[in-house]
Amino acid sequence: MSTRSSFMEAVARRASEPAPPPDRSASPVELNVRLDGDFRLPVSFARLLKRNGLTLPEAHAFLTALTDKGEIAGIVYPHDREGLLRELQAMNLKARLETPAVVAP
């Protein structure tokens, strides 16, 4: 079997498999992010959001809103809050995490 055909088979298999659901097992927190200087890592930022409980479309919408407005807030599910803040700071982003307010029914 040629490499090309096995590659195409692997791509076809992968395309037919549904994406796994996001990991939302951690407690939700509100992430407030603001641009702080030169932001050059949009793909890394989207991957970071995906690792912290957002779907790819949600991460894309978050990134788009951040670049359009310069500031955005949304809910994420981080397992390591301090690690998340360090990674965002390394991307020239100012970030703050807050416990979301609970609204009684």
PDB file of N, CA and C in Angstrom:
ATOM      1  N   MET A   1       0.850  -1.177   0.000  1.00  0.00           N
ATOM      2  CA  MET A   1       0.000   0.000   0.000  1.00  0.00           C
ATOM      3  C   MET A   1       0.895   1.240   0.000  1.00  0.00           C
ATOM      4  N   SER A   2       0.554   2.201  -0.810  1.00  0.00           N
ATOM      5  CA  SER A   2       1.365   3.410  -0.894  1.00  0.00           C
ATOM      6  C   SER A   2       1.108   4.306   0.314  1.00  0.00           C
ATOM      7  N   THR A   3       2.063   5.178   0.578  1.00  0.00           N
ATOM      8  CA  THR A   3       1.928   6.112   1.695  1.00  0.00           C
ATOM      9  C   THR A   3       0.764   7.054   1.467  1.00  0.00           C
ATOM     10  N   ARG A   4       0.587   7.494   0.234  1.00  0.00           N
ATOM     11  CA  ARG A   4      -0.488   8.436  -0.078  1.00  0.00           C
ATOM     12  C   ARG A   4      -1.860   7.831   0.225  1.00  0.00           C
ATOM     13  N   SER A   5      -2.103   6.606  -0.192  1.00  0.00           N
ATOM     14  CA  SER A   5      -3.421   6.014   0.042  1.00  0.00           C
ATOM     15  C   SER A   5      -3.649   5.742   1.526  1.00  0.00           C
ATOM     16  N   SER A   6      -2.628   5.335   2.253  1.00  0.00           N
ATOM     17  CA  SER A   6      -2.819   5.111   3.688  1.00  0.00           C
ATOM     18  C   SER A   6      -3.066   6.443   4.404  1.00  0.00           C
ATOM     19  N   PHE A   7      -2.427   7.510   3.929  1.00  0.00           N
ATOM     20  CA  PHE A   7      -2.680   8.831   4.507  1.00  0.00           C
ATOM     21  C   PHE A   7      -4.122   9.248   4.259  1.00  0.00           C
ATOM     22  N   MET A   8      -4.594   9.056   3.049  1.00  0.00           N
ATOM     23  CA  MET A   8      -5.972   9.428   2.706  1.00  0.00           C
ATOM     24  C   MET A   8      -6.974   8.603   3.514  1.00  0.00           C
ATOM     25  N   GLU A   9      -6.684   7.334   3.748  1.00  0.00           N
ATOM     26  CA  GLU A   9      -7.565   6.499   4.567  1.00  0.00           C
ATOM     27  C   GLU A   9      -7.611   7.009   6.004  1.00  0.00           C
ATOM     28  N   ALA A  10      -6.460   7.404   6.523  1.00  0.00           N
ATOM     29  CA  ALA A  10      -6.406   7.925   7.893  1.00  0.00           C
ATOM     30  C   ALA A  10      -7.189   9.225   8.007  1.00  0.00           C
ATOM     31  N   VAL A  11      -7.057  10.093   7.012  1.00  0.00           N
ATOM     32  CA  VAL A  11      -7.795  11.359   7.017  1.00  0.00           C
ATOM     33  C   VAL A  11      -9.293  11.088   6.944  1.00  0.00           C
ATOM     34  N   ALA A  12      -9.696  10.167   6.089  1.00  0.00           N
ATOM     35  CA  ALA A  12     -11.118   9.836   5.950  1.00  0.00           C
ATOM     36  C   ALA A  12     -11.671   9.260   7.250  1.00  0.00           C
ATOM     37  N   ARG A  13     -10.892   8.396   7.905  1.00  0.00           N
ATOM     38  CA  ARG A  13     -11.330   7.833   9.194  1.00  0.00           C
ATOM     39  C   ARG A  13     -11.490   8.932  10.226  1.00  0.00           C
ATOM     40  N   ARG A  14     -10.523   9.817  10.291  1.00  0.00           N
ATOM     41  CA  ARG A  14     -10.559  10.876  11.282  1.00  0.00           C
ATOM     42  C   ARG A  14     -11.721  11.832  11.040  1.00  0.00           C
ATOM     43  N   ALA A  15     -11.994  12.147   9.776  1.00  0.00           N
ATOM     44  CA  ALA A  15     -13.084  13.059   9.447  1.00  0.00           C
ATOM     45  C   ALA A  15     -14.435  12.461   9.806  1.00  0.00           C
ATOM     46  N   SER A  16     -14.545  11.133   9.779  1.00  0.00           N
ATOM     47  CA  SER A  16     -15.824  10.496  10.078  1.00  0.00           C
ATOM     48  C   SER A  16     -16.056  10.338  11.583  1.00  0.00           C
ATOM     49  N   GLU A  17     -15.024  10.464  12.394  1.00  0.00           N
ATOM     50  CA  GLU A  17     -15.152  10.332  13.841  1.00  0.00           C
ATOM     51  C   GLU A  17     -15.582  11.657  14.448  1.00  0.00           C
ATOM     52  N   PRO A  18     -16.573  11.633  15.354  1.00  0.00           N
ATOM     53  CA  PRO A  18     -16.982  12.885  15.987  1.00  0.00           C
ATOM     54  C   PRO A  18     -15.900  13.394  16.947  1.00  0.00           C
ATOM     55  N   ALA A  19     -15.841  14.696  17.091  1.00  0.00           N
ATOM     56  CA  ALA A  19     -14.870  15.297  18.012  1.00  0.00           C
ATOM     57  C   ALA A  19     -15.273  14.972  19.439  1.00  0.00           C
ATOM     58  N   PRO A  20     -14.307  14.716  20.314  1.00  0.00           N
ATOM     59  CA  PRO A  20     -14.659  14.434  21.707  1.00  0.00           C
ATOM     60  C   PRO A  20     -15.226  15.700  22.365  1.00  0.00           C
ATOM     61  N   PRO A  21     -16.121  15.540  23.326  1.00  0.00           N
ATOM     62  CA  PRO A  21     -16.670  16.726  23.993  1.00  0.00           C
ATOM     63  C   PRO A  21     -15.584  17.428  24.807  1.00  0.00           C
ATOM     64  N   PRO A  22     -15.732  18.740  25.035  1.00  0.00           N
ATOM     65  CA  PRO A  22     -14.721  19.453  25.821  1.00  0.00           C
ATOM     66  C   PRO A  22     -14.716  18.959  27.263  1.00  0.00           C
ATOM     67  N   ASP A  23     -13.547  19.034  27.887  1.00  0.00           N
ATOM     68  CA  ASP A  23     -13.396  18.615  29.283  1.00  0.00           C
ATOM     69  C   ASP A  23     -13.890  19.740  30.181  1.00  0.00           C
ATOM     70  N   ARG A  24     -15.050  19.539  30.758  1.00  0.00           N
ATOM     71  CA  ARG A  24     -15.632  20.548  31.642  1.00  0.00           C
ATOM     72  C   ARG A  24     -15.797  19.983  33.043  1.00  0.00           C
ATOM     73  N   SER A  25     -14.824  19.158  33.472  1.00  0.00           N
ATOM     74  CA  SER A  25     -14.922  18.533  34.782  1.00  0.00           C
ATOM     75  C   SER A  25     -14.456  19.458  35.908  1.00  0.00           C
ATOM     76  N   ALA A  26     -13.717  20.504  35.583  1.00  0.00           N
ATOM     77  CA  ALA A  26     -13.268  21.455  36.606  1.00  0.00           C
ATOM     78  C   ALA A  26     -14.383  22.467  36.883  1.00  0.00           C
ATOM     79  N   SER A  27     -14.245  23.196  37.973  1.00  0.00           N
ATOM     80  CA  SER A  27     -15.235  24.224  38.325  1.00  0.00           C
ATOM     81  C   SER A  27     -15.160  25.379  37.330  1.00  0.00           C
ATOM     82  N   PRO A  28     -16.310  25.904  36.915  1.00  0.00           N
ATOM     83  CA  PRO A  28     -16.293  27.018  35.969  1.00  0.00           C
ATOM     84  C   PRO A  28     -15.832  28.312  36.641  1.00  0.00           C
ATOM     85  N   VAL A  29     -15.070  29.097  35.903  1.00  0.00           N
ATOM     86  CA  VAL A  29     -14.654  30.418  36.360  1.00  0.00           C
ATOM     87  C   VAL A  29     -14.809  31.390  35.208  1.00  0.00           C
ATOM     88  N   GLU A  30     -14.995  32.646  35.534  1.00  0.00           N
ATOM     89  CA  GLU A  30     -15.077  33.673  34.501  1.00  0.00           C
ATOM     90  C   GLU A  30     -13.672  34.166  34.207  1.00  0.00           C
ATOM     91  N   LEU A  31     -13.314  34.132  32.947  1.00  0.00           N
ATOM     92  CA  LEU A  31     -12.007  34.596  32.494  1.00  0.00           C
ATOM     93  C   LEU A  31     -12.185  35.951  31.831  1.00  0.00           C
ATOM     94  N   ASN A  32     -11.524  36.964  32.374  1.00  0.00           N
ATOM     95  CA  ASN A  32     -11.521  38.303  31.796  1.00  0.00           C
ATOM     96  C   ASN A  32     -10.140  38.524  31.190  1.00  0.00           C
ATOM     97  N   VAL A  33     -10.107  38.802  29.898  1.00  0.00           N
ATOM     98  CA  VAL A  33      -8.839  38.935  29.176  1.00  0.00           C
ATOM     99  C   VAL A  33      -8.798  40.282  28.461  1.00  0.00           C
ATOM    100  N   ARG A  34      -7.623  40.910  28.511  1.00  0.00           N
ATOM    101  CA  ARG A  34      -7.413  42.188  27.820  1.00  0.00           C
ATOM    102  C   ARG A  34      -6.079  42.130  27.099  1.00  0.00           C
ATOM    103  N   LEU A  35      -6.051  42.671  25.878  1.00  0.00           N
ATOM    104  CA  LEU A  35      -4.796  42.739  25.126  1.00  0.00           C
ATOM    105  C   LEU A  35      -3.826  43.646  25.861  1.00  0.00           C
ATOM    106  N   ASP A  36      -2.564  43.247  25.911  1.00  0.00           N
ATOM    107  CA  ASP A  36      -1.545  44.026  26.601  1.00  0.00           C
ATOM    108  C   ASP A  36      -0.267  43.991  25.772  1.00  0.00           C
ATOM    109  N   GLY A  37      -0.237  44.789  24.729  1.00  0.00           N
ATOM    110  CA  GLY A  37       0.940  44.803  23.871  1.00  0.00           C
ATOM    111  C   GLY A  37       0.710  43.993  22.613  1.00  0.00           C
ATOM    112  N   ASP A  38       1.797  43.488  22.055  1.00  0.00           N
ATOM    113  CA  ASP A  38       1.778  42.769  20.790  1.00  0.00           C
ATOM    114  C   ASP A  38       1.308  41.333  21.003  1.00  0.00           C
ATOM    115  N   PHE A  39       0.170  40.978  20.439  1.00  0.00           N
ATOM    116  CA  PHE A  39      -0.411  39.644  20.567  1.00  0.00           C
ATOM    117  C   PHE A  39      -0.164  38.886  19.270  1.00  0.00           C
ATOM    118  N   ARG A  40       0.732  37.870  19.327  1.00  0.00           N
ATOM    119  CA  ARG A  40       1.115  37.157  18.116  1.00  0.00           C
ATOM    120  C   ARG A  40       0.819  35.659  18.157  1.00  0.00           C
ATOM    121  N   LEU A  41       0.070  35.195  19.118  1.00  0.00           N
ATOM    122  CA  LEU A  41      -0.130  33.759  19.265  1.00  0.00           C
ATOM    123  C   LEU A  41      -1.607  33.364  19.263  1.00  0.00           C
ATOM    124  N   PRO A  42      -2.372  33.744  18.250  1.00  0.00           N
ATOM    125  CA  PRO A  42      -3.800  33.428  18.277  1.00  0.00           C
ATOM    126  C   PRO A  42      -4.093  31.938  18.265  1.00  0.00           C
ATOM    127  N   VAL A  43      -3.295  31.143  17.561  1.00  0.00           N
ATOM    128  CA  VAL A  43      -3.535  29.700  17.516  1.00  0.00           C
ATOM    129  C   VAL A  43      -3.250  29.089  18.886  1.00  0.00           C
ATOM    130  N   SER A  44      -2.175  29.510  19.523  1.00  0.00           N
ATOM    131  CA  SER A  44      -1.859  29.015  20.867  1.00  0.00           C
ATOM    132  C   SER A  44      -2.941  29.413  21.861  1.00  0.00           C
ATOM    133  N   PHE A  45      -3.483  30.607  21.699  1.00  0.00           N
ATOM    134  CA  PHE A  45      -4.552  31.083  22.576  1.00  0.00           C
ATOM    135  C   PHE A  45      -5.805  30.221  22.402  1.00  0.00           C
ATOM    136  N   ALA A  46      -6.168  29.927  21.166  1.00  0.00           N
ATOM    137  CA  ALA A  46      -7.339  29.081  20.906  1.00  0.00           C
ATOM    138  C   ALA A  46      -7.125  27.677  21.466  1.00  0.00           C
ATOM    139  N   ARG A  47      -5.922  27.144  21.323  1.00  0.00           N
ATOM    140  CA  ARG A  47      -5.623  25.814  21.888  1.00  0.00           C
ATOM    141  C   ARG A  47      -5.709  25.836  23.412  1.00  0.00           C
ATOM    142  N   LEU A  48      -5.236  26.903  24.013  1.00  0.00           N
ATOM    143  CA  LEU A  48      -5.304  27.042  25.469  1.00  0.00           C
ATOM    144  C   LEU A  48      -6.758  27.074  25.931  1.00  0.00           C
ATOM    145  N   LEU A  49      -7.602  27.820  25.227  1.00  0.00           N
ATOM    146  CA  LEU A  49      -9.017  27.855  25.578  1.00  0.00           C
ATOM    147  C   LEU A  49      -9.653  26.482  25.407  1.00  0.00           C
ATOM    148  N   LYS A  50      -9.272  25.782  24.358  1.00  0.00           N
ATOM    149  CA  LYS A  50      -9.813  24.444  24.116  1.00  0.00           C
ATOM    150  C   LYS A  50      -9.403  23.484  25.226  1.00  0.00           C
ATOM    151  N   ARG A  51      -8.164  23.582  25.682  1.00  0.00           N
ATOM    152  CA  ARG A  51      -7.709  22.737  26.799  1.00  0.00           C
ATOM    153  C   ARG A  51      -8.447  23.062  28.091  1.00  0.00           C
ATOM    154  N   ASN A  52      -9.015  24.253  28.163  1.00  0.00           N
ATOM    155  CA  ASN A  52      -9.699  24.686  29.383  1.00  0.00           C
ATOM    156  C   ASN A  52     -11.214  24.695  29.215  1.00  0.00           C
ATOM    157  N   GLY A  53     -11.733  23.748  28.416  1.00  0.00           N
ATOM    158  CA  GLY A  53     -13.152  23.472  28.395  1.00  0.00           C
ATOM    159  C   GLY A  53     -13.998  24.105  27.319  1.00  0.00           C
ATOM    160  N   LEU A  54     -13.413  24.860  26.385  1.00  0.00           N
ATOM    161  CA  LEU A  54     -14.213  25.444  25.313  1.00  0.00           C
ATOM    162  C   LEU A  54     -14.147  24.553  24.077  1.00  0.00           C
ATOM    163  N   THR A  55     -15.197  24.588  23.286  1.00  0.00           N
ATOM    164  CA  THR A  55     -15.160  23.908  21.997  1.00  0.00           C
ATOM    165  C   THR A  55     -14.363  24.788  21.042  1.00  0.00           C
ATOM    166  N   LEU A  56     -13.979  24.234  19.903  1.00  0.00           N
ATOM    167  CA  LEU A  56     -13.227  25.028  18.940  1.00  0.00           C
ATOM    168  C   LEU A  56     -14.029  26.231  18.437  1.00  0.00           C
ATOM    169  N   PRO A  57     -15.333  26.087  18.125  1.00  0.00           N
ATOM    170  CA  PRO A  57     -16.096  27.276  17.727  1.00  0.00           C
ATOM    171  C   PRO A  57     -16.197  28.319  18.848  1.00  0.00           C
ATOM    172  N   GLU A  58     -16.316  27.872  20.100  1.00  0.00           N
ATOM    173  CA  GLU A  58     -16.364  28.822  21.220  1.00  0.00           C
ATOM    174  C   GLU A  58     -15.029  29.544  21.363  1.00  0.00           C
ATOM    175  N   ALA A  59     -13.924  28.806  21.226  1.00  0.00           N
ATOM    176  CA  ALA A  59     -12.588  29.423  21.322  1.00  0.00           C
ATOM    177  C   ALA A  59     -12.389  30.425  20.192  1.00  0.00           C
ATOM    178  N   HIS A  60     -12.853  30.094  18.993  1.00  0.00           N
ATOM    179  CA  HIS A  60     -12.732  31.006  17.851  1.00  0.00           C
ATOM    180  C   HIS A  60     -13.539  32.276  18.097  1.00  0.00           C
ATOM    181  N   ALA A  61     -14.771  32.137  18.604  1.00  0.00           N
ATOM    182  CA  ALA A  61     -15.602  33.310  18.894  1.00  0.00           C
ATOM    183  C   ALA A  61     -14.956  34.177  19.975  1.00  0.00           C
ATOM    184  N   PHE A  62     -14.377  33.553  20.990  1.00  0.00           N
ATOM    185  CA  PHE A  62     -13.691  34.267  22.070  1.00  0.00           C
ATOM    186  C   PHE A  62     -12.518  35.057  21.498  1.00  0.00           C
ATOM    187  N   LEU A  63     -11.714  34.400  20.652  1.00  0.00           N
ATOM    188  CA  LEU A  63     -10.554  35.043  20.041  1.00  0.00           C
ATOM    189  C   LEU A  63     -10.970  36.194  19.137  1.00  0.00           C
ATOM    190  N   THR A  64     -12.008  35.985  18.336  1.00  0.00           N
ATOM    191  CA  THR A  64     -12.486  37.039  17.439  1.00  0.00           C
ATOM    192  C   THR A  64     -12.967  38.250  18.220  1.00  0.00           C
ATOM    193  N   ALA A  65     -13.731  38.019  19.284  1.00  0.00           N
ATOM    194  CA  ALA A  65     -14.218  39.123  20.111  1.00  0.00           C
ATOM    195  C   ALA A  65     -13.052  39.853  20.784  1.00  0.00           C
ATOM    196  N   LEU A  66     -12.048  39.105  21.228  1.00  0.00           N
ATOM    197  CA  LEU A  66     -10.883  39.731  21.864  1.00  0.00           C
ATOM    198  C   LEU A  66     -10.149  40.637  20.882  1.00  0.00           C
ATOM    199  N   THR A  67      -9.930  40.162  19.668  1.00  0.00           N
ATOM    200  CA  THR A  67      -9.201  40.990  18.698  1.00  0.00           C
ATOM    201  C   THR A  67     -10.039  42.173  18.224  1.00  0.00           C
ATOM    202  N   ASP A  68     -11.370  42.019  18.164  1.00  0.00           N
ATOM    203  CA  ASP A  68     -12.238  43.122  17.739  1.00  0.00           C
ATOM    204  C   ASP A  68     -12.371  44.192  18.818  1.00  0.00           C
ATOM    205  N   LYS A  69     -12.562  43.774  20.063  1.00  0.00           N
ATOM    206  CA  LYS A  69     -12.854  44.706  21.155  1.00  0.00           C
ATOM    207  C   LYS A  69     -11.646  45.027  22.035  1.00  0.00           C
ATOM    208  N   GLY A  70     -10.637  44.153  22.022  1.00  0.00           N
ATOM    209  CA  GLY A  70      -9.469  44.364  22.867  1.00  0.00           C
ATOM    210  C   GLY A  70      -9.652  43.846  24.283  1.00  0.00           C
ATOM    211  N   GLU A  71     -10.854  43.388  24.596  1.00  0.00           N
ATOM    212  CA  GLU A  71     -11.155  42.894  25.939  1.00  0.00           C
ATOM    213  C   GLU A  71     -12.376  41.982  25.840  1.00  0.00           C
ATOM    214  N   ILE A  72     -12.386  40.895  26.611  1.00  0.00           N
ATOM    215  CA  ILE A  72     -13.504  39.945  26.556  1.00  0.00           C
ATOM    216  C   ILE A  72     -13.571  39.168  27.866  1.00  0.00           C
ATOM    217  N   ALA A  73     -14.764  38.678  28.186  1.00  0.00           N
ATOM    218  CA  ALA A  73     -14.963  37.823  29.354  1.00  0.00           C
ATOM    219  C   ALA A  73     -15.780  36.612  28.929  1.00  0.00           C
ATOM    220  N   GLY A  74     -15.484  35.472  29.520  1.00  0.00           N
ATOM    221  CA  GLY A  74     -16.216  34.244  29.225  1.00  0.00           C
ATOM    222  C   GLY A  74     -15.924  33.185  30.266  1.00  0.00           C
ATOM    223  N   ILE A  75     -16.696  32.125  30.240  1.00  0.00           N
ATOM    224  CA  ILE A  75     -16.552  31.041  31.207  1.00  0.00           C
ATOM    225  C   ILE A  75     -15.600  29.982  30.663  1.00  0.00           C
ATOM    226  N   VAL A  76     -14.630  29.578  31.490  1.00  0.00           N
ATOM    227  CA  VAL A  76     -13.709  28.485  31.173  1.00  0.00           C
ATOM    228  C   VAL A  76     -13.707  27.508  32.341  1.00  0.00           C
ATOM    229  N   TYR A  77     -13.079  26.357  32.147  1.00  0.00           N
ATOM    230  CA  TYR A  77     -13.062  25.293  33.149  1.00  0.00           C
ATOM    231  C   TYR A  77     -11.624  24.841  33.403  1.00  0.00           C
ATOM    232  N   PRO A  78     -10.794  25.686  34.014  1.00  0.00           N
ATOM    233  CA  PRO A  78      -9.371  25.340  34.184  1.00  0.00           C
ATOM    234  C   PRO A  78      -9.131  24.367  35.332  1.00  0.00           C
ATOM    235  N   HIS A  79      -8.234  23.402  35.101  1.00  0.00           N
ATOM    236  CA  HIS A  79      -7.803  22.506  36.175  1.00  0.00           C
ATOM    237  C   HIS A  79      -6.665  23.160  36.957  1.00  0.00           C
ATOM    238  N   ASP A  80      -5.910  24.037  36.303  1.00  0.00           N
ATOM    239  CA  ASP A  80      -4.783  24.743  36.929  1.00  0.00           C
ATOM    240  C   ASP A  80      -4.948  26.240  36.671  1.00  0.00           C
ATOM    241  N   ARG A  81      -5.564  26.928  37.599  1.00  0.00           N
ATOM    242  CA  ARG A  81      -5.849  28.357  37.410  1.00  0.00           C
ATOM    243  C   ARG A  81      -4.584  29.188  37.279  1.00  0.00           C
ATOM    244  N   GLU A  82      -3.614  28.932  38.142  1.00  0.00           N
ATOM    245  CA  GLU A  82      -2.366  29.705  38.096  1.00  0.00           C
ATOM    246  C   GLU A  82      -1.609  29.437  36.799  1.00  0.00           C
ATOM    247  N   GLY A  83      -1.605  28.192  36.352  1.00  0.00           N
ATOM    248  CA  GLY A  83      -0.949  27.849  35.089  1.00  0.00           C
ATOM    249  C   GLY A  83      -1.605  28.553  33.917  1.00  0.00           C
ATOM    250  N   LEU A  84      -2.937  28.630  33.924  1.00  0.00           N
ATOM    251  CA  LEU A  84      -3.664  29.338  32.876  1.00  0.00           C
ATOM    252  C   LEU A  84      -3.264  30.810  32.848  1.00  0.00           C
ATOM    253  N   LEU A  85      -3.211  31.437  34.003  1.00  0.00           N
ATOM    254  CA  LEU A  85      -2.830  32.852  34.070  1.00  0.00           C
ATOM    255  C   LEU A  85      -1.398  33.069  33.589  1.00  0.00           C
ATOM    256  N   ARG A  86      -0.477  32.154  33.947  1.00  0.00           N
ATOM    257  CA  ARG A  86       0.915  32.275  33.490  1.00  0.00           C
ATOM    258  C   ARG A  86       1.002  32.173  31.972  1.00  0.00           C
ATOM    259  N   GLU A  87       0.268  31.217  31.385  1.00  0.00           N
ATOM    260  CA  GLU A  87       0.308  31.056  29.932  1.00  0.00           C
ATOM    261  C   GLU A  87      -0.267  32.280  29.223  1.00  0.00           C
ATOM    262  N   LEU A  88      -1.327  32.848  29.757  1.00  0.00           N
ATOM    263  CA  LEU A  88      -1.917  34.044  29.154  1.00  0.00           C
ATOM    264  C   LEU A  88      -0.964  35.229  29.257  1.00  0.00           C
ATOM    265  N   GLN A  89      -0.292  35.360  30.383  1.00  0.00           N
ATOM    266  CA  GLN A  89       0.676  36.446  30.565  1.00  0.00           C
ATOM    267  C   GLN A  89       1.825  36.301  29.570  1.00  0.00           C
ATOM    268  N   ALA A  90       2.252  35.068  29.308  1.00  0.00           N
ATOM    269  CA  ALA A  90       3.334  34.835  28.339  1.00  0.00           C
ATOM    270  C   ALA A  90       2.910  35.225  26.920  1.00  0.00           C
ATOM    271  N   MET A  91       1.597  35.293  26.674  1.00  0.00           N
ATOM    272  CA  MET A  91       1.079  35.682  25.358  1.00  0.00           C
ATOM    273  C   MET A  91       0.782  37.179  25.276  1.00  0.00           C
ATOM    274  N   ASN A  92       1.256  37.961  26.232  1.00  0.00           N
ATOM    275  CA  ASN A  92       1.002  39.400  26.298  1.00  0.00           C
ATOM    276  C   ASN A  92      -0.478  39.712  26.486  1.00  0.00           C
ATOM    277  N   LEU A  93      -1.123  38.947  27.350  1.00  0.00           N
ATOM    278  CA  LEU A  93      -2.527  39.174  27.677  1.00  0.00           C
ATOM    279  C   LEU A  93      -2.658  39.393  29.171  1.00  0.00           C
ATOM    280  N   LYS A  94      -3.424  40.390  29.553  1.00  0.00           N
ATOM    281  CA  LYS A  94      -3.736  40.592  30.969  1.00  0.00           C
ATOM    282  C   LYS A  94      -4.994  39.796  31.244  1.00  0.00           C
ATOM    283  N   ALA A  95      -4.962  38.973  32.283  1.00  0.00           N
ATOM    284  CA  ALA A  95      -6.100  38.104  32.563  1.00  0.00           C
ATOM    285  C   ALA A  95      -6.422  38.103  34.046  1.00  0.00           C
ATOM    286  N   ARG A  96      -7.691  37.868  34.313  1.00  0.00           N
ATOM    287  CA  ARG A  96      -8.180  37.786  35.698  1.00  0.00           C
ATOM    288  C   ARG A  96      -9.232  36.674  35.722  1.00  0.00           C
ATOM    289  N   LEU A  97      -9.200  35.858  36.767  1.00  0.00           N
ATOM    290  CA  LEU A  97     -10.196  34.808  36.942  1.00  0.00           C
ATOM    291  C   LEU A  97     -11.085  35.163  38.123  1.00  0.00           C
ATOM    292  N   GLU A  98     -12.397  34.976  37.941  1.00  0.00           N
ATOM    293  CA  GLU A  98     -13.342  35.250  39.007  1.00  0.00           C
ATOM    294  C   GLU A  98     -14.350  34.115  39.075  1.00  0.00           C
ATOM    295  N   THR A  99     -14.808  33.803  40.269  1.00  0.00           N
ATOM    296  CA  THR A  99     -15.871  32.815  40.408  1.00  0.00           C
ATOM    297  C   THR A  99     -17.161  33.459  39.949  1.00  0.00           C
ATOM    298  N   PRO A 100     -17.872  32.819  39.014  1.00  0.00           N
ATOM    299  CA  PRO A 100     -19.103  33.445  38.511  1.00  0.00           C
ATOM    300  C   PRO A 100     -20.175  33.520  39.598  1.00  0.00           C
ATOM    301  N   ALA A 101     -20.981  34.551  39.523  1.00  0.00           N
ATOM    302  CA  ALA A 101     -22.062  34.719  40.482  1.00  0.00           C
ATOM    303  C   ALA A 101     -23.138  33.652  40.214  1.00  0.00           C
ATOM    304  N   VAL A 102     -23.677  33.106  41.294  1.00  0.00           N
ATOM    305  CA  VAL A 102     -24.743  32.123  41.182  1.00  0.00           C
ATOM    306  C   VAL A 102     -26.069  32.840  41.308  1.00  0.00           C
ATOM    307  N   VAL A 103     -26.930  32.624  40.331  1.00  0.00           N
ATOM    308  CA  VAL A 103     -28.228  33.264  40.339  1.00  0.00           C
ATOM    309  C   VAL A 103     -29.263  32.248  40.827  1.00  0.00           C
ATOM    310  N   ALA A 104     -29.983  32.600  41.890  1.00  0.00           N
ATOM    311  CA  ALA A 104     -30.995  31.703  42.433  1.00  0.00           C
ATOM    312  C   ALA A 104     -32.195  31.638  41.498  1.00  0.00           C
ATOM    313  N   PRO A 105     -32.812  30.462  41.346  1.00  0.00           N
ATOM    314  CA  PRO A 105     -33.969  30.351  40.461  1.00  0.00           C
ATOM    315  C   PRO A 105     -35.191  31.058  40.990  1.00  0.00           C
TER     316      PRO A 105
END
